[in-house]
């Protein structure tokens, strides 16, 4: 017990000195989370609005009637109280000073309403929303002009498998927590490379020190490091960005422990064939950035192109993100088949990488003896 205590204190000091681990495990996820949440959290709760310029160069009864109705739409913010010329409207749109310009019919017999948008923003959410909104406006105007009363109306209702208060902030927070813990595991083994390159592991093997206790103390250290990550990021997400967490603790505990150990094993595997810390960081960075953008951390995998999804479906971070999201947002029970299917794939990654890493360490040890 005393030997384990001494080794744990040594691991604690090593982790504290590993600047890469602190950066990738704590500071980088916090910075990334603050940036993404600052960008996306506010927009989800604010009502939609768009700034537009109105062109009515040849006022007539039809254009005046449409102008009166358009000015009553609360979601449209008119750039100027009075209509502008077509030339001025084009300039405003090109300079992106307004989201769009609406050109009213030039004569009483004209039958079209023109929406002018910037080509760079043509596929944007605002342009798409304005197009749909004006389409509906034109249809209603046609019905009024023909004296027909609409018989049907569209009503919408948003539902979720989780709590009704869920938002994108909750989705992003759980993804960032999973990413932080995964990075802590993948980058946390850089100290092992330094110890091996300096011959410290070889010297340690020549002492009465129990190497199994050495490995166990390292694992316990990684788990505690991950506990710090999940608590810190959760507090920032909840108290600064207003995220909502609905936690199923048994599911969270299992997913958290197995996920932490699996990514520690991935870091152990990378350290087994990296001769220098630079090589280790290079490989870990490639794996990190690949998984960061393909594992559903920032956006649902369902929104990705179909040819990318098979890659996402084999990455361990995909299932760690899903597991944490299910346990921290949707309160999913531990007795759910999908939870265990994801855990199985994640743990398989951990076992395979740990076994291969151990074999590589053992092979190098034999070569060194010869």
Protein backbone atom coordinates (compact mmCIF):
# COMPACT_ATOMS: atom_id res chain seq x y z
CA UNK A 1 0.00 0.00 0.00
CA UNK A 2 2.85 2.33 0.87
CA UNK A 3 4.51 1.60 -2.49
CA UNK A 4 1.26 2.41 -4.33
CA UNK A 5 0.96 5.65 -2.36
CA UNK A 6 4.50 6.70 -3.29
CA UNK A 7 3.94 5.81 -6.94
CA UNK A 8 0.64 7.70 -7.01
CA UNK A 9 2.33 10.82 -5.60
CA UNK A 10 5.05 10.44 -8.25
CA UNK A 11 2.39 10.14 -10.98
CA UNK A 12 0.62 13.18 -9.57
CA UNK A 13 3.80 15.22 -9.82
CA UNK A 14 4.51 13.93 -13.33
CA UNK A 15 1.02 14.85 -14.51
CA UNK A 16 1.26 18.28 -12.91
CA UNK A 17 4.50 18.90 -14.82
CA UNK A 18 3.10 17.72 -18.18
CA UNK A 19 2.17 21.02 -19.76
CA UNK A 20 0.76 19.28 -22.86
CA UNK A 21 -1.68 17.30 -20.73
CA UNK A 22 -2.96 20.40 -18.97
CA UNK A 23 -3.27 22.31 -22.24
CA UNK A 24 -5.06 19.59 -24.21
CA UNK A 25 -7.02 18.23 -21.27
CA UNK A 26 -8.14 21.44 -19.54
CA UNK A 27 -7.35 24.73 -21.25
CA UNK A 28 -7.98 23.74 -24.88
CA UNK A 29 -11.48 22.24 -24.21
CA UNK A 30 -12.41 25.26 -22.07
CA UNK A 31 -11.29 27.71 -24.77
CA UNK A 32 -13.03 25.68 -27.49
CA UNK A 33 -16.22 25.37 -25.46
CA UNK A 34 -16.32 29.10 -24.69
CA UNK A 35 -15.85 29.95 -28.38
CA UNK A 36 -18.51 27.53 -29.68
CA UNK A 37 -21.03 28.27 -26.95
CA UNK A 38 -20.57 32.03 -27.37
CA UNK A 39 -21.30 31.63 -31.08
CA UNK A 40 -24.21 29.20 -30.93
CA UNK A 41 -25.86 29.48 -27.51
CA UNK A 42 -27.41 32.88 -27.93
CA UNK A 43 -28.91 32.25 -31.34
CA UNK A 44 -31.04 29.31 -30.24
CA UNK A 45 -33.18 31.34 -27.85
CA UNK A 46 -33.41 34.60 -29.79
CA UNK A 47 -36.31 35.17 -32.16
CA UNK A 48 -35.48 35.23 -35.84
CA UNK A 49 -35.15 38.63 -37.49
CA UNK A 50 -33.73 39.88 -40.78
CA UNK A 51 -32.82 43.33 -42.01
CA UNK A 52 -34.20 44.19 -45.44
CA UNK A 53 -34.38 47.11 -47.82
CA UNK A 54 -37.61 47.80 -49.72
CA UNK A 55 -37.61 48.97 -53.35
CA UNK A 56 -40.79 50.71 -54.55
CA UNK A 57 -39.63 52.85 -57.47
CA UNK A 58 -43.06 53.00 -59.14
CA UNK A 59 -45.64 53.20 -56.36
CA UNK A 60 -49.01 51.73 -57.37
CA UNK A 61 -52.00 50.24 -55.50
CA UNK A 62 -50.53 46.73 -55.59
CA UNK A 63 -47.05 47.71 -54.38
CA UNK A 64 -48.49 50.04 -51.73
CA UNK A 65 -50.74 47.25 -50.43
CA UNK A 66 -47.78 44.85 -50.23
CA UNK A 67 -45.57 47.48 -48.60
CA UNK A 68 -48.15 48.04 -45.89
CA UNK A 69 -48.41 44.31 -45.17
CA UNK A 70 -44.63 43.77 -45.22
CA UNK A 71 -44.03 46.57 -42.72
CA UNK A 72 -46.37 44.75 -40.32
CA UNK A 73 -44.13 41.66 -40.25
CA UNK A 74 -42.28 41.85 -36.92
CA UNK A 75 -39.41 39.65 -38.07
CA UNK A 76 -38.40 42.12 -40.78
CA UNK A 77 -36.29 45.11 -39.79
CA UNK A 78 -36.47 47.80 -42.48
CA UNK A 79 -33.14 49.43 -43.25
CA UNK A 80 -34.84 52.79 -43.86
CA UNK A 81 -38.36 54.00 -43.18
CA UNK A 82 -38.79 55.02 -46.80
CA UNK A 83 -38.19 52.70 -49.78
CA UNK A 84 -34.83 52.95 -51.55
CA UNK A 85 -33.93 52.79 -55.24
CA UNK A 86 -32.94 49.50 -56.87
CA UNK A 87 -29.37 50.74 -57.23
CA UNK A 88 -29.16 51.61 -53.53
CA UNK A 89 -30.71 48.26 -52.57
CA UNK A 90 -28.19 46.32 -54.69
CA UNK A 91 -25.36 48.21 -53.04
CA UNK A 92 -26.69 47.45 -49.55
CA UNK A 93 -27.01 43.75 -50.37
CA UNK A 94 -23.56 43.53 -52.00
CA UNK A 95 -21.96 45.20 -48.98
CA UNK A 96 -23.95 42.86 -46.68
CA UNK A 97 -25.42 45.85 -44.86
CA UNK A 98 -28.83 44.17 -45.15
CA UNK A 99 -29.78 40.50 -45.39
CA UNK A 100 -31.90 41.04 -48.51
CA UNK A 101 -33.81 43.55 -50.61
CA UNK A 102 -37.48 43.18 -51.58
CA UNK A 103 -38.44 44.70 -54.93
CA UNK A 104 -42.16 45.44 -55.07
CA UNK A 105 -44.23 45.15 -58.31
CA UNK A 106 -43.52 48.05 -60.66
CA UNK A 107 -47.08 48.20 -62.00
CA UNK A 108 -50.58 47.23 -60.95
CA UNK A 109 -50.53 44.41 -63.51
CA UNK A 110 -47.17 42.99 -62.43
CA UNK A 111 -47.45 39.57 -60.78
CA UNK A 112 -44.06 38.99 -59.23
CA UNK A 113 -42.23 40.01 -56.07
CA UNK A 114 -38.41 39.97 -56.31
CA UNK A 115 -36.16 38.95 -53.41
CA UNK A 116 -32.51 40.00 -53.85
CA UNK A 117 -29.90 38.26 -51.68
CA UNK A 118 -26.12 38.25 -51.65
CA UNK A 119 -24.79 35.23 -53.57
CA UNK A 120 -22.33 34.46 -50.77
CA UNK A 121 -25.26 34.14 -48.34
CA UNK A 122 -27.67 32.49 -50.77
CA UNK A 123 -27.58 29.13 -48.97
CA UNK A 124 -27.52 30.69 -45.51
CA UNK A 125 -30.27 30.15 -42.95
CA UNK A 126 -31.46 33.78 -43.12
CA UNK A 127 -31.80 33.78 -46.92
CA UNK A 128 -33.61 30.43 -46.85
CA UNK A 129 -35.96 31.64 -44.11
CA UNK A 130 -36.72 34.86 -46.01
CA UNK A 131 -37.45 32.88 -49.18
CA UNK A 132 -39.91 30.62 -47.35
CA UNK A 133 -41.48 33.54 -45.54
CA UNK A 134 -42.06 35.58 -48.71
CA UNK A 135 -43.38 32.50 -50.53
CA UNK A 136 -46.02 32.18 -47.83
CA UNK A 137 -46.67 35.92 -48.00
CA UNK A 138 -47.24 35.74 -51.78
CA UNK A 139 -49.59 32.75 -51.40
CA UNK A 140 -51.66 34.55 -48.79
CA UNK A 141 -51.73 37.67 -50.95
CA UNK A 142 -53.00 35.59 -53.88
CA UNK A 143 -55.74 34.11 -51.73
CA UNK A 144 -56.80 37.56 -50.52
CA UNK A 145 -56.76 38.91 -54.09
CA UNK A 146 -58.97 36.05 -55.29
CA UNK A 147 -61.33 36.39 -52.33
CA UNK A 148 -60.63 32.86 -51.02
CA UNK A 149 -60.51 32.17 -47.30
CA UNK A 150 -57.76 29.65 -46.34
CA UNK A 151 -59.28 26.36 -45.20
CA UNK A 152 -56.16 24.92 -43.57
CA UNK A 153 -53.27 26.21 -41.52
CA UNK A 154 -49.95 24.71 -40.49
CA UNK A 155 -49.14 24.28 -36.80
CA UNK A 156 -45.72 23.12 -35.55
CA UNK A 157 -44.65 21.48 -32.32
CA UNK A 158 -41.10 20.55 -31.24
CA UNK A 159 -40.70 17.37 -29.20
CA UNK A 160 -37.64 15.53 -27.82
CA UNK A 161 -36.81 12.18 -26.25
CA UNK A 162 -35.25 14.18 -23.40
CA UNK A 163 -36.41 17.09 -21.28
CA UNK A 164 -38.31 19.91 -22.99
CA UNK A 165 -35.70 22.42 -21.81
CA UNK A 166 -32.92 20.81 -23.88
CA UNK A 167 -30.98 23.02 -26.26
CA UNK A 168 -27.90 22.97 -28.47
CA UNK A 169 -25.86 24.18 -25.48
CA UNK A 170 -26.52 20.87 -23.68
CA UNK A 171 -25.58 18.95 -26.83
CA UNK A 172 -22.32 20.86 -27.21
CA UNK A 173 -21.40 20.72 -23.51
CA UNK A 174 -21.52 16.92 -23.35
CA UNK A 175 -19.55 16.68 -26.59
CA UNK A 176 -16.86 18.98 -25.21
CA UNK A 177 -16.63 16.98 -21.97
CA UNK A 178 -16.13 13.76 -23.94
CA UNK A 179 -13.51 15.45 -26.13
CA UNK A 180 -11.63 16.79 -23.10
CA UNK A 181 -11.46 13.39 -21.40
CA UNK A 182 -10.39 11.70 -24.65
CA UNK A 183 -7.65 14.29 -25.16
CA UNK A 184 -6.51 13.84 -21.57
CA UNK A 185 -6.04 10.13 -22.25
CA UNK A 186 -4.42 10.44 -25.66
CA UNK A 187 -2.01 13.23 -24.71
CA UNK A 188 -1.48 12.16 -21.11
CA UNK A 189 1.06 9.43 -21.89
CA UNK A 190 3.69 11.81 -23.19
CA UNK A 191 5.47 11.52 -19.82
CA UNK A 192 5.92 7.79 -20.46
CA UNK A 193 7.84 8.57 -23.65
CA UNK A 194 10.10 10.98 -21.81
CA UNK A 195 10.75 8.43 -19.07
CA UNK A 196 11.60 5.76 -21.62
CA UNK A 197 13.87 8.02 -23.68
CA UNK A 198 15.79 8.96 -20.52
CA UNK A 199 16.08 5.34 -19.44
CA UNK A 200 13.99 5.90 -16.30
CA UNK A 201 11.67 2.95 -16.99
CA UNK A 202 14.61 0.60 -17.45
CA UNK A 203 16.08 1.77 -14.16
CA UNK A 204 12.73 1.38 -12.46
CA UNK A 205 12.48 -2.22 -13.69
CA UNK A 206 15.83 -2.95 -12.03
CA UNK A 207 14.45 -1.89 -8.63
CA UNK A 208 12.07 -3.88 -6.34
CA UNK A 209 9.26 -1.59 -7.55
CA UNK A 210 6.12 -3.45 -8.64
CA UNK A 211 5.47 -2.40 -12.26
CA UNK A 212 1.83 -3.46 -11.98
CA UNK A 213 1.35 -0.98 -9.14
CA UNK A 214 3.15 1.61 -11.25
CA UNK A 215 0.63 1.10 -14.07
CA UNK A 216 -2.31 1.04 -11.62
CA UNK A 217 -1.23 4.31 -10.00
CA UNK A 218 -1.01 5.90 -13.46
CA UNK A 219 -4.54 4.74 -14.31
CA UNK A 220 -5.95 6.09 -11.04
CA UNK A 221 -4.20 9.39 -11.76
CA UNK A 222 -5.82 9.57 -15.22
CA UNK A 223 -9.26 8.89 -13.76
CA UNK A 224 -8.83 11.67 -11.17
CA UNK A 225 -7.62 14.02 -13.89
CA UNK A 226 -10.76 13.22 -15.89
CA UNK A 227 -12.95 13.83 -12.81
CA UNK A 228 -11.48 17.34 -12.64
CA UNK A 229 -12.26 17.81 -16.35
CA UNK A 230 -15.88 16.70 -16.17
CA UNK A 231 -16.63 18.78 -13.04
CA UNK A 232 -14.91 21.92 -14.32
CA UNK A 233 -16.51 21.82 -17.77
CA UNK A 234 -19.94 21.01 -16.33
CA UNK A 235 -19.77 23.96 -13.93
CA UNK A 236 -18.73 26.33 -16.75
CA UNK A 237 -21.47 25.01 -19.03
CA UNK A 238 -24.23 25.19 -16.42
CA UNK A 239 -23.40 28.40 -14.54
CA UNK A 240 -21.96 30.52 -17.38
CA UNK A 241 -23.82 29.29 -20.46
CA UNK A 242 -27.02 28.04 -18.83
CA UNK A 243 -26.77 24.43 -19.94
CA UNK A 244 -29.24 21.89 -18.53
CA UNK A 245 -28.03 18.51 -17.29
CA UNK A 246 -30.35 15.61 -16.47
CA UNK A 247 -27.96 12.96 -15.23
CA UNK A 248 -28.43 9.21 -14.84
CA UNK A 249 -25.52 8.59 -12.45
CA UNK A 250 -25.10 4.78 -12.86
CA UNK A 251 -24.91 5.16 -16.65
CA UNK A 252 -22.59 8.15 -16.37
CA UNK A 253 -20.27 6.32 -13.97
CA UNK A 254 -19.88 3.28 -16.23
CA UNK A 255 -19.46 5.28 -19.45
CA UNK A 256 -17.05 7.71 -17.78
CA UNK A 257 -14.78 5.05 -16.23
CA UNK A 258 -14.64 2.78 -19.28
CA UNK A 259 -14.23 5.71 -21.65
CA UNK A 260 -11.40 7.21 -19.60
CA UNK A 261 -9.55 3.89 -19.44
CA UNK A 262 -10.09 3.20 -23.15
CA UNK A 263 -8.58 6.53 -24.23
CA UNK A 264 -5.74 6.09 -21.74
CA UNK A 265 -5.06 2.79 -23.51
CA UNK A 266 -5.03 4.61 -26.87
CA UNK A 267 -2.45 7.04 -25.45
CA UNK A 268 -0.46 4.08 -24.11
CA UNK A 269 -0.49 2.52 -27.58
CA UNK A 270 0.77 5.74 -29.22
CA UNK A 271 3.56 5.98 -26.63
CA UNK A 272 4.64 2.40 -27.37
CA UNK A 273 5.97 3.22 -30.84
CA UNK A 274 6.90 6.90 -30.40
CA UNK A 275 10.61 7.39 -29.87
CA UNK A 276 10.37 11.10 -29.00
CA UNK A 277 7.80 13.41 -27.46
CA UNK A 278 7.59 15.29 -30.78
CA UNK A 279 6.65 12.08 -32.59
CA UNK A 280 4.12 11.24 -29.86
CA UNK A 281 2.47 14.66 -30.04
CA UNK A 282 2.35 14.49 -33.84
CA UNK A 283 0.50 11.16 -33.90
CA UNK A 284 -1.77 12.16 -31.00
CA UNK A 285 -2.65 15.43 -32.77
CA UNK A 286 -3.62 13.61 -35.97
CA UNK A 287 -5.85 11.17 -34.06
CA UNK A 288 -7.32 14.02 -32.01
CA UNK A 289 -8.28 16.24 -34.94
CA UNK A 290 -9.64 13.30 -36.92
CA UNK A 291 -11.97 12.29 -34.10
CA UNK A 292 -12.79 15.85 -33.02
CA UNK A 293 -14.62 16.67 -36.25
CA UNK A 294 -15.96 13.21 -37.18
CA UNK A 295 -17.38 11.99 -33.87
CA UNK A 296 -20.40 14.23 -33.41
CA UNK A 297 -18.79 16.52 -30.83
CA UNK A 298 -20.04 19.75 -32.42
CA UNK A 299 -22.76 18.58 -34.82
CA UNK A 300 -24.91 15.43 -35.10
CA UNK A 301 -23.37 12.70 -37.26
CA UNK A 302 -26.66 12.54 -39.18
CA UNK A 303 -25.87 15.98 -40.68
CA UNK A 304 -22.56 14.78 -42.15
CA UNK A 305 -22.19 13.52 -45.74
CA UNK A 306 -23.14 9.85 -46.07
CA UNK A 307 -19.64 8.78 -47.18
CA UNK A 308 -18.15 10.10 -43.90
CA UNK A 309 -20.59 8.36 -41.57
CA UNK A 310 -18.97 4.86 -41.83
CA UNK A 311 -15.70 6.44 -40.62
CA UNK A 312 -17.52 8.08 -37.71
CA UNK A 313 -19.13 4.78 -36.81
CA UNK A 314 -15.79 3.09 -36.09
CA UNK A 315 -14.22 5.88 -34.03
CA UNK A 316 -14.24 5.34 -30.23
CA UNK A 317 -14.97 9.01 -29.51
CA UNK A 318 -18.29 8.68 -31.37
CA UNK A 319 -19.53 6.18 -28.79
CA UNK A 320 -18.00 8.04 -25.85
CA UNK A 321 -19.78 11.24 -26.92
CA UNK A 322 -23.06 9.35 -27.37
CA UNK A 323 -22.67 7.60 -24.01
CA UNK A 324 -22.01 10.81 -22.08
CA UNK A 325 -24.80 12.60 -23.95
CA UNK A 326 -27.27 9.82 -23.17
CA UNK A 327 -26.28 9.72 -19.49
CA UNK A 328 -25.98 13.49 -18.87
CA UNK A 329 -28.75 14.89 -21.08
CA UNK A 330 -31.32 12.18 -21.80
CA UNK A 331 -31.08 10.29 -18.44
CA UNK A 332 -30.86 7.04 -20.37
CA UNK A 333 -30.93 3.95 -18.18
CA UNK A 334 -27.93 1.67 -17.90
CA UNK A 335 -30.17 -1.19 -18.99
CA UNK A 336 -30.37 0.01 -22.58
CA UNK A 337 -29.04 -2.04 -25.48
CA UNK A 338 -27.71 0.96 -27.42
CA UNK A 339 -25.68 2.11 -24.41
CA UNK A 340 -23.95 -1.25 -24.05
CA UNK A 341 -23.40 -1.58 -27.80
CA UNK A 342 -21.50 1.73 -27.77
CA UNK A 343 -19.59 0.76 -24.62
CA UNK A 344 -18.60 -2.55 -26.22
CA UNK A 345 -17.04 -0.84 -29.26
CA UNK A 346 -15.29 1.72 -27.05
CA UNK A 347 -13.88 -0.93 -24.73
CA UNK A 348 -12.81 -3.04 -27.72
CA UNK A 349 -10.68 -0.11 -28.85
CA UNK A 350 -9.19 0.09 -25.36
CA UNK A 351 -8.38 -3.64 -25.15
CA UNK A 352 -6.90 -3.88 -28.64
CA UNK A 353 -4.72 -0.78 -28.29
CA UNK A 354 -3.57 -1.82 -24.80
CA UNK A 355 -2.62 -5.35 -25.93
CA UNK A 356 -0.74 -4.09 -29.01
CA UNK A 357 0.97 -1.39 -26.93
CA UNK A 358 2.04 -3.95 -24.32
CA UNK A 359 3.44 -6.25 -27.02
CA UNK A 360 5.41 -3.37 -28.54
CA UNK A 361 6.80 -2.38 -25.13
CA UNK A 362 7.71 -6.01 -24.42
CA UNK A 363 9.39 -6.42 -27.83
CA UNK A 364 11.48 -3.27 -27.32
CA UNK A 365 12.44 -4.47 -23.87
CA UNK A 366 13.69 -7.79 -25.31
CA UNK A 367 15.60 -6.01 -28.09
CA UNK A 368 17.19 -3.68 -25.55
CA UNK A 369 18.36 -6.67 -23.43
CA UNK A 370 19.93 -8.32 -26.48
